[in-house]
Amino acid sequence: MERLSFFEGRIIIDPDVCNGHPIIRGKRITVQSIIEYLGAGDSQEQILAEYPFLEAEDIRACLQFASLLMSKRYDVLRVA
């Protein structure tokens, strides 16, 4: 699988980095981690203080990426 890039290179999917999970600009911080921090009530300012190498645009790109995933149609299969 090749490397994929979204939102002007802010979100990267590389099968050789973090088991192929979407990350922020090669920083090995996953989109999932940022979304979980926000979901737990952390503010953008708190996240940026914890990870000073990130930018506010990175957090917005994570939210946009999550929104893009949620815009897809999902089918629920019944098992057993």
PDB file of N, CA and C in Angstrom:
ATOM      1  N   MET A   1       0.842  -1.175   0.000  1.00  0.00           N
ATOM      2  CA  MET A   1       0.000   0.000   0.000  1.00  0.00           C
ATOM      3  C   MET A   1       0.888   1.239   0.000  1.00  0.00           C
ATOM      4  N   GLU A   2       0.457   2.236  -0.701  1.00  0.00           N
ATOM      5  CA  GLU A   2       1.229   3.464  -0.774  1.00  0.00           C
ATOM      6  C   GLU A   2       0.833   4.436   0.332  1.00  0.00           C
ATOM      7  N   ARG A   3       1.620   5.435   0.507  1.00  0.00           N
ATOM      8  CA  ARG A   3       1.366   6.489   1.491  1.00  0.00           C
ATOM      9  C   ARG A   3       0.277   7.419   0.959  1.00  0.00           C
ATOM     10  N   LEU A   4      -0.686   7.765   1.816  1.00  0.00           N
ATOM     11  CA  LEU A   4      -1.767   8.671   1.450  1.00  0.00           C
ATOM     12  C   LEU A   4      -1.655   9.949   2.263  1.00  0.00           C
ATOM     13  N   SER A   5      -2.099  11.051   1.670  1.00  0.00           N
ATOM     14  CA  SER A   5      -2.017  12.341   2.328  1.00  0.00           C
ATOM     15  C   SER A   5      -3.360  13.059   2.181  1.00  0.00           C
ATOM     16  N   PHE A   6      -3.798  13.711   3.253  1.00  0.00           N
ATOM     17  CA  PHE A   6      -5.064  14.438   3.261  1.00  0.00           C
ATOM     18  C   PHE A   6      -4.846  15.837   3.842  1.00  0.00           C
ATOM     19  N   PHE A   7      -5.705  16.754   3.463  1.00  0.00           N
ATOM     20  CA  PHE A   7      -5.718  18.106   4.018  1.00  0.00           C
ATOM     21  C   PHE A   7      -4.339  18.759   3.942  1.00  0.00           C
ATOM     22  N   GLU A   8      -3.866  18.870   2.700  1.00  0.00           N
ATOM     23  CA  GLU A   8      -2.595  19.533   2.400  1.00  0.00           C
ATOM     24  C   GLU A   8      -1.422  18.937   3.178  1.00  0.00           C
ATOM     25  N   GLY A   9      -1.441  17.622   3.340  1.00  0.00           N
ATOM     26  CA  GLY A   9      -0.335  16.916   3.979  1.00  0.00           C
ATOM     27  C   GLY A   9      -0.358  16.907   5.495  1.00  0.00           C
ATOM     28  N   ARG A  10      -1.414  17.429   6.084  1.00  0.00           N
ATOM     29  CA  ARG A  10      -1.481  17.444   7.553  1.00  0.00           C
ATOM     30  C   ARG A  10      -1.795  16.061   8.112  1.00  0.00           C
ATOM     31  N   ILE A  11      -2.571  15.264   7.386  1.00  0.00           N
ATOM     32  CA  ILE A  11      -2.903  13.900   7.824  1.00  0.00           C
ATOM     33  C   ILE A  11      -2.265  12.931   6.838  1.00  0.00           C
ATOM     34  N   ILE A  12      -1.514  11.988   7.373  1.00  0.00           N
ATOM     35  CA  ILE A  12      -0.780  11.019   6.559  1.00  0.00           C
ATOM     36  C   ILE A  12      -1.181   9.607   6.986  1.00  0.00           C
ATOM     37  N   ILE A  13      -1.345   8.745   6.003  1.00  0.00           N
ATOM     38  CA  ILE A  13      -1.502   7.313   6.272  1.00  0.00           C
ATOM     39  C   ILE A  13      -0.348   6.616   5.566  1.00  0.00           C
ATOM     40  N   ASP A  14       0.509   6.019   6.353  1.00  0.00           N
ATOM     41  CA  ASP A  14       1.680   5.305   5.845  1.00  0.00           C
ATOM     42  C   ASP A  14       1.681   3.929   6.494  1.00  0.00           C
ATOM     43  N   PRO A  15       1.603   2.869   5.704  1.00  0.00           N
ATOM     44  CA  PRO A  15       1.533   1.528   6.283  1.00  0.00           C
ATOM     45  C   PRO A  15       2.740   1.174   7.153  1.00  0.00           C
ATOM     46  N   ASP A  16       3.839   1.896   7.009  1.00  0.00           N
ATOM     47  CA  ASP A  16       5.047   1.613   7.783  1.00  0.00           C
ATOM     48  C   ASP A  16       5.163   2.448   9.060  1.00  0.00           C
ATOM     49  N   VAL A  17       4.178   3.302   9.325  1.00  0.00           N
ATOM     50  CA  VAL A  17       4.231   4.173  10.503  1.00  0.00           C
ATOM     51  C   VAL A  17       2.967   3.971  11.328  1.00  0.00           C
ATOM     52  N   CYS A  18       3.130   3.683  12.605  1.00  0.00           N
ATOM     53  CA  CYS A  18       2.005   3.502  13.541  1.00  0.00           C
ATOM     54  C   CYS A  18       0.976   2.500  13.022  1.00  0.00           C
ATOM     55  N   ASN A  19       1.467   1.416  12.450  1.00  0.00           N
ATOM     56  CA  ASN A  19       0.611   0.338  11.934  1.00  0.00           C
ATOM     57  C   ASN A  19      -0.426   0.830  10.927  1.00  0.00           C
ATOM     58  N   GLY A  20      -0.097   1.886  10.200  1.00  0.00           N
ATOM     59  CA  GLY A  20      -0.996   2.381   9.164  1.00  0.00           C
ATOM     60  C   GLY A  20      -2.118   3.276   9.663  1.00  0.00           C
ATOM     61  N   HIS A  21      -2.111   3.611  10.958  1.00  0.00           N
ATOM     62  CA  HIS A  21      -3.137   4.516  11.475  1.00  0.00           C
ATOM     63  C   HIS A  21      -2.859   5.931  10.976  1.00  0.00           C
ATOM     64  N   PRO A  22      -3.896   6.710  10.716  1.00  0.00           N
ATOM     65  CA  PRO A  22      -3.684   8.098  10.283  1.00  0.00           C
ATOM     66  C   PRO A  22      -2.942   8.886  11.363  1.00  0.00           C
ATOM     67  N   ILE A  23      -1.917   9.620  10.938  1.00  0.00           N
ATOM     68  CA  ILE A  23      -1.104  10.406  11.865  1.00  0.00           C
ATOM     69  C   ILE A  23      -1.036  11.855  11.390  1.00  0.00           C
ATOM     70  N   ILE A  24      -0.542  12.697  12.274  1.00  0.00           N
ATOM     71  CA  ILE A  24      -0.381  14.107  11.947  1.00  0.00           C
ATOM     72  C   ILE A  24       1.024  14.347  11.416  1.00  0.00           C
ATOM     73  N   ARG A  25       1.133  14.770  10.182  1.00  0.00           N
ATOM     74  CA  ARG A  25       2.370  15.206   9.529  1.00  0.00           C
ATOM     75  C   ARG A  25       3.615  14.417   9.908  1.00  0.00           C
ATOM     76  N   GLY A  26       3.501  13.121  10.010  1.00  0.00           N
ATOM     77  CA  GLY A  26       4.667  12.305  10.309  1.00  0.00           C
ATOM     78  C   GLY A  26       5.170  12.421  11.734  1.00  0.00           C
ATOM     79  N   LYS A  27       4.358  12.943  12.630  1.00  0.00           N
ATOM     80  CA  LYS A  27       4.779  13.162  14.018  1.00  0.00           C
ATOM     81  C   LYS A  27       4.548  11.954  14.918  1.00  0.00           C
ATOM     82  N   ARG A  28       3.977  10.897  14.392  1.00  0.00           N
ATOM     83  CA  ARG A  28       3.639   9.695  15.173  1.00  0.00           C
ATOM     84  C   ARG A  28       2.616   9.982  16.267  1.00  0.00           C
ATOM     85  N   ILE A  29       1.831  11.009  16.080  1.00  0.00           N
ATOM     86  CA  ILE A  29       0.673  11.290  16.916  1.00  0.00           C
ATOM     87  C   ILE A  29      -0.537  10.950  16.052  1.00  0.00           C
ATOM     88  N   THR A  30      -1.354  10.000  16.503  1.00  0.00           N
ATOM     89  CA  THR A  30      -2.464   9.558  15.674  1.00  0.00           C
ATOM     90  C   THR A  30      -3.648  10.527  15.752  1.00  0.00           C
ATOM     91  N   VAL A  31      -4.391  10.546  14.672  1.00  0.00           N
ATOM     92  CA  VAL A  31      -5.631  11.322  14.632  1.00  0.00           C
ATOM     93  C   VAL A  31      -6.550  10.842  15.749  1.00  0.00           C
ATOM     94  N   GLN A  32      -6.597   9.546  15.947  1.00  0.00           N
ATOM     95  CA  GLN A  32      -7.432   8.966  16.998  1.00  0.00           C
ATOM     96  C   GLN A  32      -7.082   9.543  18.365  1.00  0.00           C
ATOM     97  N   SER A  33      -5.806   9.692  18.662  1.00  0.00           N
ATOM     98  CA  SER A  33      -5.393  10.243  19.959  1.00  0.00           C
ATOM     99  C   SER A  33      -5.938  11.655  20.144  1.00  0.00           C
ATOM    100  N   ILE A  34      -5.818  12.480  19.124  1.00  0.00           N
ATOM    101  CA  ILE A  34      -6.299  13.865  19.228  1.00  0.00           C
ATOM    102  C   ILE A  34      -7.808  13.894  19.409  1.00  0.00           C
ATOM    103  N   ILE A  35      -8.527  13.066  18.655  1.00  0.00           N
ATOM    104  CA  ILE A  35      -9.985  13.010  18.787  1.00  0.00           C
ATOM    105  C   ILE A  35     -10.365  12.529  20.187  1.00  0.00           C
ATOM    106  N   GLU A  36      -9.630  11.562  20.720  1.00  0.00           N
ATOM    107  CA  GLU A  36      -9.911  11.068  22.075  1.00  0.00           C
ATOM    108  C   GLU A  36      -9.655  12.146  23.124  1.00  0.00           C
ATOM    109  N   TYR A  37      -8.574  12.913  22.964  1.00  0.00           N
ATOM    110  CA  TYR A  37      -8.319  14.018  23.899  1.00  0.00           C
ATOM    111  C   TYR A  37      -9.468  15.021  23.873  1.00  0.00           C
ATOM    112  N   LEU A  38      -9.902  15.385  22.683  1.00  0.00           N
ATOM    113  CA  LEU A  38     -11.011  16.332  22.564  1.00  0.00           C
ATOM    114  C   LEU A  38     -12.283  15.749  23.176  1.00  0.00           C
ATOM    115  N   GLY A  39     -12.528  14.476  22.918  1.00  0.00           N
ATOM    116  CA  GLY A  39     -13.705  13.803  23.464  1.00  0.00           C
ATOM    117  C   GLY A  39     -13.683  13.705  24.980  1.00  0.00           C
ATOM    118  N   ALA A  40     -12.495  13.650  25.552  1.00  0.00           N
ATOM    119  CA  ALA A  40     -12.355  13.581  27.007  1.00  0.00           C
ATOM    120  C   ALA A  40     -12.475  14.958  27.661  1.00  0.00           C
ATOM    121  N   GLY A  41     -12.598  15.994  26.830  1.00  0.00           N
ATOM    122  CA  GLY A  41     -12.790  17.335  27.369  1.00  0.00           C
ATOM    123  C   GLY A  41     -11.564  18.229  27.325  1.00  0.00           C
ATOM    124  N   ASP A  42     -10.445  17.726  26.810  1.00  0.00           N
ATOM    125  CA  ASP A  42      -9.265  18.575  26.686  1.00  0.00           C
ATOM    126  C   ASP A  42      -9.524  19.653  25.642  1.00  0.00           C
ATOM    127  N   SER A  43      -9.034  20.839  25.895  1.00  0.00           N
ATOM    128  CA  SER A  43      -9.193  21.939  24.940  1.00  0.00           C
ATOM    129  C   SER A  43      -8.064  21.889  23.914  1.00  0.00           C
ATOM    130  N   GLN A  44      -8.265  22.601  22.828  1.00  0.00           N
ATOM    131  CA  GLN A  44      -7.215  22.713  21.821  1.00  0.00           C
ATOM    132  C   GLN A  44      -5.947  23.291  22.459  1.00  0.00           C
ATOM    133  N   GLU A  45      -6.101  24.262  23.322  1.00  0.00           N
ATOM    134  CA  GLU A  45      -4.958  24.887  23.979  1.00  0.00           C
ATOM    135  C   GLU A  45      -4.195  23.883  24.848  1.00  0.00           C
ATOM    136  N   GLN A  46      -4.921  23.008  25.548  1.00  0.00           N
ATOM    137  CA  GLN A  46      -4.269  21.991  26.375  1.00  0.00           C
ATOM    138  C   GLN A  46      -3.478  21.005  25.510  1.00  0.00           C
ATOM    139  N   ILE A  47      -4.067  20.613  24.404  1.00  0.00           N
ATOM    140  CA  ILE A  47      -3.383  19.674  23.503  1.00  0.00           C
ATOM    141  C   ILE A  47      -2.126  20.316  22.932  1.00  0.00           C
ATOM    142  N   LEU A  48      -2.233  21.573  22.513  1.00  0.00           N
ATOM    143  CA  LEU A  48      -1.071  22.264  21.948  1.00  0.00           C
ATOM    144  C   LEU A  48       0.019  22.480  22.998  1.00  0.00           C
ATOM    145  N   ALA A  49      -0.359  22.669  24.242  1.00  0.00           N
ATOM    146  CA  ALA A  49       0.635  22.806  25.311  1.00  0.00           C
ATOM    147  C   ALA A  49       1.344  21.478  25.562  1.00  0.00           C
ATOM    148  N   GLU A  50       0.597  20.372  25.469  1.00  0.00           N
ATOM    149  CA  GLU A  50       1.162  19.035  25.667  1.00  0.00           C
ATOM    150  C   GLU A  50       2.065  18.626  24.501  1.00  0.00           C
ATOM    151  N   TYR A  51       1.701  19.053  23.297  1.00  0.00           N
ATOM    152  CA  TYR A  51       2.446  18.725  22.069  1.00  0.00           C
ATOM    153  C   TYR A  51       2.793  20.022  21.353  1.00  0.00           C
ATOM    154  N   PRO A  52       3.807  20.739  21.810  1.00  0.00           N
ATOM    155  CA  PRO A  52       4.114  22.058  21.249  1.00  0.00           C
ATOM    156  C   PRO A  52       4.536  22.052  19.780  1.00  0.00           C
ATOM    157  N   PHE A  53       4.863  20.893  19.241  1.00  0.00           N
ATOM    158  CA  PHE A  53       5.234  20.804  17.826  1.00  0.00           C
ATOM    159  C   PHE A  53       4.008  20.734  16.921  1.00  0.00           C
ATOM    160  N   LEU A  54       2.813  20.603  17.503  1.00  0.00           N
ATOM    161  CA  LEU A  54       1.580  20.620  16.712  1.00  0.00           C
ATOM    162  C   LEU A  54       1.109  22.052  16.531  1.00  0.00           C
ATOM    163  N   GLU A  55       0.243  22.237  15.531  1.00  0.00           N
ATOM    164  CA  GLU A  55      -0.352  23.541  15.249  1.00  0.00           C
ATOM    165  C   GLU A  55      -1.865  23.404  15.319  1.00  0.00           C
ATOM    166  N   ALA A  56      -2.533  24.519  15.542  1.00  0.00           N
ATOM    167  CA  ALA A  56      -3.997  24.512  15.606  1.00  0.00           C
ATOM    168  C   ALA A  56      -4.595  23.910  14.335  1.00  0.00           C
ATOM    169  N   GLU A  57      -3.957  24.145  13.197  1.00  0.00           N
ATOM    170  CA  GLU A  57      -4.446  23.595  11.926  1.00  0.00           C
ATOM    171  C   GLU A  57      -4.403  22.067  11.919  1.00  0.00           C
ATOM    172  N   ASP A  58      -3.459  21.488  12.665  1.00  0.00           N
ATOM    173  CA  ASP A  58      -3.377  20.026  12.762  1.00  0.00           C
ATOM    174  C   ASP A  58      -4.608  19.472  13.472  1.00  0.00           C
ATOM    175  N   ILE A  59      -5.026  20.149  14.532  1.00  0.00           N
ATOM    176  CA  ILE A  59      -6.204  19.685  15.273  1.00  0.00           C
ATOM    177  C   ILE A  59      -7.456  19.838  14.415  1.00  0.00           C
ATOM    178  N   ARG A  60      -7.563  20.931  13.693  1.00  0.00           N
ATOM    179  CA  ARG A  60      -8.704  21.102  12.784  1.00  0.00           C
ATOM    180  C   ARG A  60      -8.693  20.031  11.699  1.00  0.00           C
ATOM    181  N   ALA A  61      -7.516  19.678  11.202  1.00  0.00           N
ATOM    182  CA  ALA A  61      -7.422  18.625  10.181  1.00  0.00           C
ATOM    183  C   ALA A  61      -7.880  17.284  10.745  1.00  0.00           C
ATOM    184  N   CYS A  62      -7.580  17.015  12.017  1.00  0.00           N
ATOM    185  CA  CYS A  62      -8.053  15.780  12.652  1.00  0.00           C
ATOM    186  C   CYS A  62      -9.574  15.747  12.685  1.00  0.00           C
ATOM    187  N   LEU A  63     -10.182  16.863  13.050  1.00  0.00           N
ATOM    188  CA  LEU A  63     -11.643  16.931  13.081  1.00  0.00           C
ATOM    189  C   LEU A  63     -12.235  16.786  11.687  1.00  0.00           C
ATOM    190  N   GLN A  64     -11.613  17.417  10.706  1.00  0.00           N
ATOM    191  CA  GLN A  64     -12.088  17.282   9.325  1.00  0.00           C
ATOM    192  C   GLN A  64     -11.965  15.840   8.844  1.00  0.00           C
ATOM    193  N   PHE A  65     -10.866  15.183   9.189  1.00  0.00           N
ATOM    194  CA  PHE A  65     -10.660  13.798   8.786  1.00  0.00           C
ATOM    195  C   PHE A  65     -11.712  12.899   9.413  1.00  0.00           C
ATOM    196  N   ALA A  66     -11.982  13.098  10.709  1.00  0.00           N
ATOM    197  CA  ALA A  66     -13.017  12.307  11.386  1.00  0.00           C
ATOM    198  C   ALA A  66     -14.375  12.544  10.736  1.00  0.00           C
ATOM    199  N   SER A  67     -14.658  13.781  10.381  1.00  0.00           N
ATOM    200  CA  SER A  67     -15.917  14.102   9.712  1.00  0.00           C
ATOM    201  C   SER A  67     -15.994  13.418   8.348  1.00  0.00           C
ATOM    202  N   LEU A  68     -14.883  13.406   7.633  1.00  0.00           N
ATOM    203  CA  LEU A  68     -14.839  12.737   6.331  1.00  0.00           C
ATOM    204  C   LEU A  68     -15.156  11.251   6.474  1.00  0.00           C
ATOM    205  N   LEU A  69     -14.592  10.611   7.489  1.00  0.00           N
ATOM    206  CA  LEU A  69     -14.868   9.190   7.719  1.00  0.00           C
ATOM    207  C   LEU A  69     -16.336   8.960   8.067  1.00  0.00           C
ATOM    208  N   MET A  70     -16.902   9.849   8.854  1.00  0.00           N
ATOM    209  CA  MET A  70     -18.295   9.690   9.280  1.00  0.00           C
ATOM    210  C   MET A  70     -19.274   9.979   8.148  1.00  0.00           C
ATOM    211  N   SER A  71     -18.825  10.624   7.096  1.00  0.00           N
ATOM    212  CA  SER A  71     -19.721  10.917   5.975  1.00  0.00           C
ATOM    213  C   SER A  71     -19.951   9.691   5.088  1.00  0.00           C
ATOM    214  N   LYS A  72     -19.198   8.628   5.331  1.00  0.00           N
ATOM    215  CA  LYS A  72     -19.347   7.392   4.548  1.00  0.00           C
ATOM    216  C   LYS A  72     -20.554   6.615   5.037  1.00  0.00           C
ATOM    217  N   ARG A  73     -21.046   5.751   4.186  1.00  0.00           N
ATOM    218  CA  ARG A  73     -22.161   4.884   4.568  1.00  0.00           C
ATOM    219  C   ARG A  73     -21.600   3.597   5.156  1.00  0.00           C
ATOM    220  N   TYR A  74     -22.195   3.184   6.259  1.00  0.00           N
ATOM    221  CA  TYR A  74     -21.762   1.955   6.918  1.00  0.00           C
ATOM    222  C   TYR A  74     -22.967   1.016   7.036  1.00  0.00           C
ATOM    223  N   ASP A  75     -22.730  -0.251   6.746  1.00  0.00           N
ATOM    224  CA  ASP A  75     -23.761  -1.267   6.883  1.00  0.00           C
ATOM    225  C   ASP A  75     -23.452  -2.120   8.102  1.00  0.00           C
ATOM    226  N   VAL A  76     -24.481  -2.391   8.880  1.00  0.00           N
ATOM    227  CA  VAL A  76     -24.315  -3.239  10.056  1.00  0.00           C
ATOM    228  C   VAL A  76     -24.773  -4.639   9.669  1.00  0.00           C
ATOM    229  N   LEU A  77     -23.888  -5.602   9.869  1.00  0.00           N
ATOM    230  CA  LEU A  77     -24.214  -6.991   9.555  1.00  0.00           C
ATOM    231  C   LEU A  77     -24.576  -7.722  10.836  1.00  0.00           C
ATOM    232  N   ARG A  78     -25.606  -8.496  10.763  1.00  0.00           N
ATOM    233  CA  ARG A  78     -26.035  -9.287  11.907  1.00  0.00           C
ATOM    234  C   ARG A  78     -25.225 -10.588  11.896  1.00  0.00           C
ATOM    235  N   VAL A  79     -24.667 -10.916  13.046  1.00  0.00           N
ATOM    236  CA  VAL A  79     -23.874 -12.141  13.179  1.00  0.00           C
ATOM    237  C   VAL A  79     -24.617 -13.093  14.102  1.00  0.00           C
ATOM    238  N   ALA A  80     -24.804 -14.333  13.642  1.00  0.00           N
ATOM    239  CA  ALA A  80     -25.449 -15.416  14.388  1.00  0.00           C
ATOM    240  C   ALA A  80     -26.887 -15.183  14.637  1.00  0.00           C
TER     241      ALA A  80
END
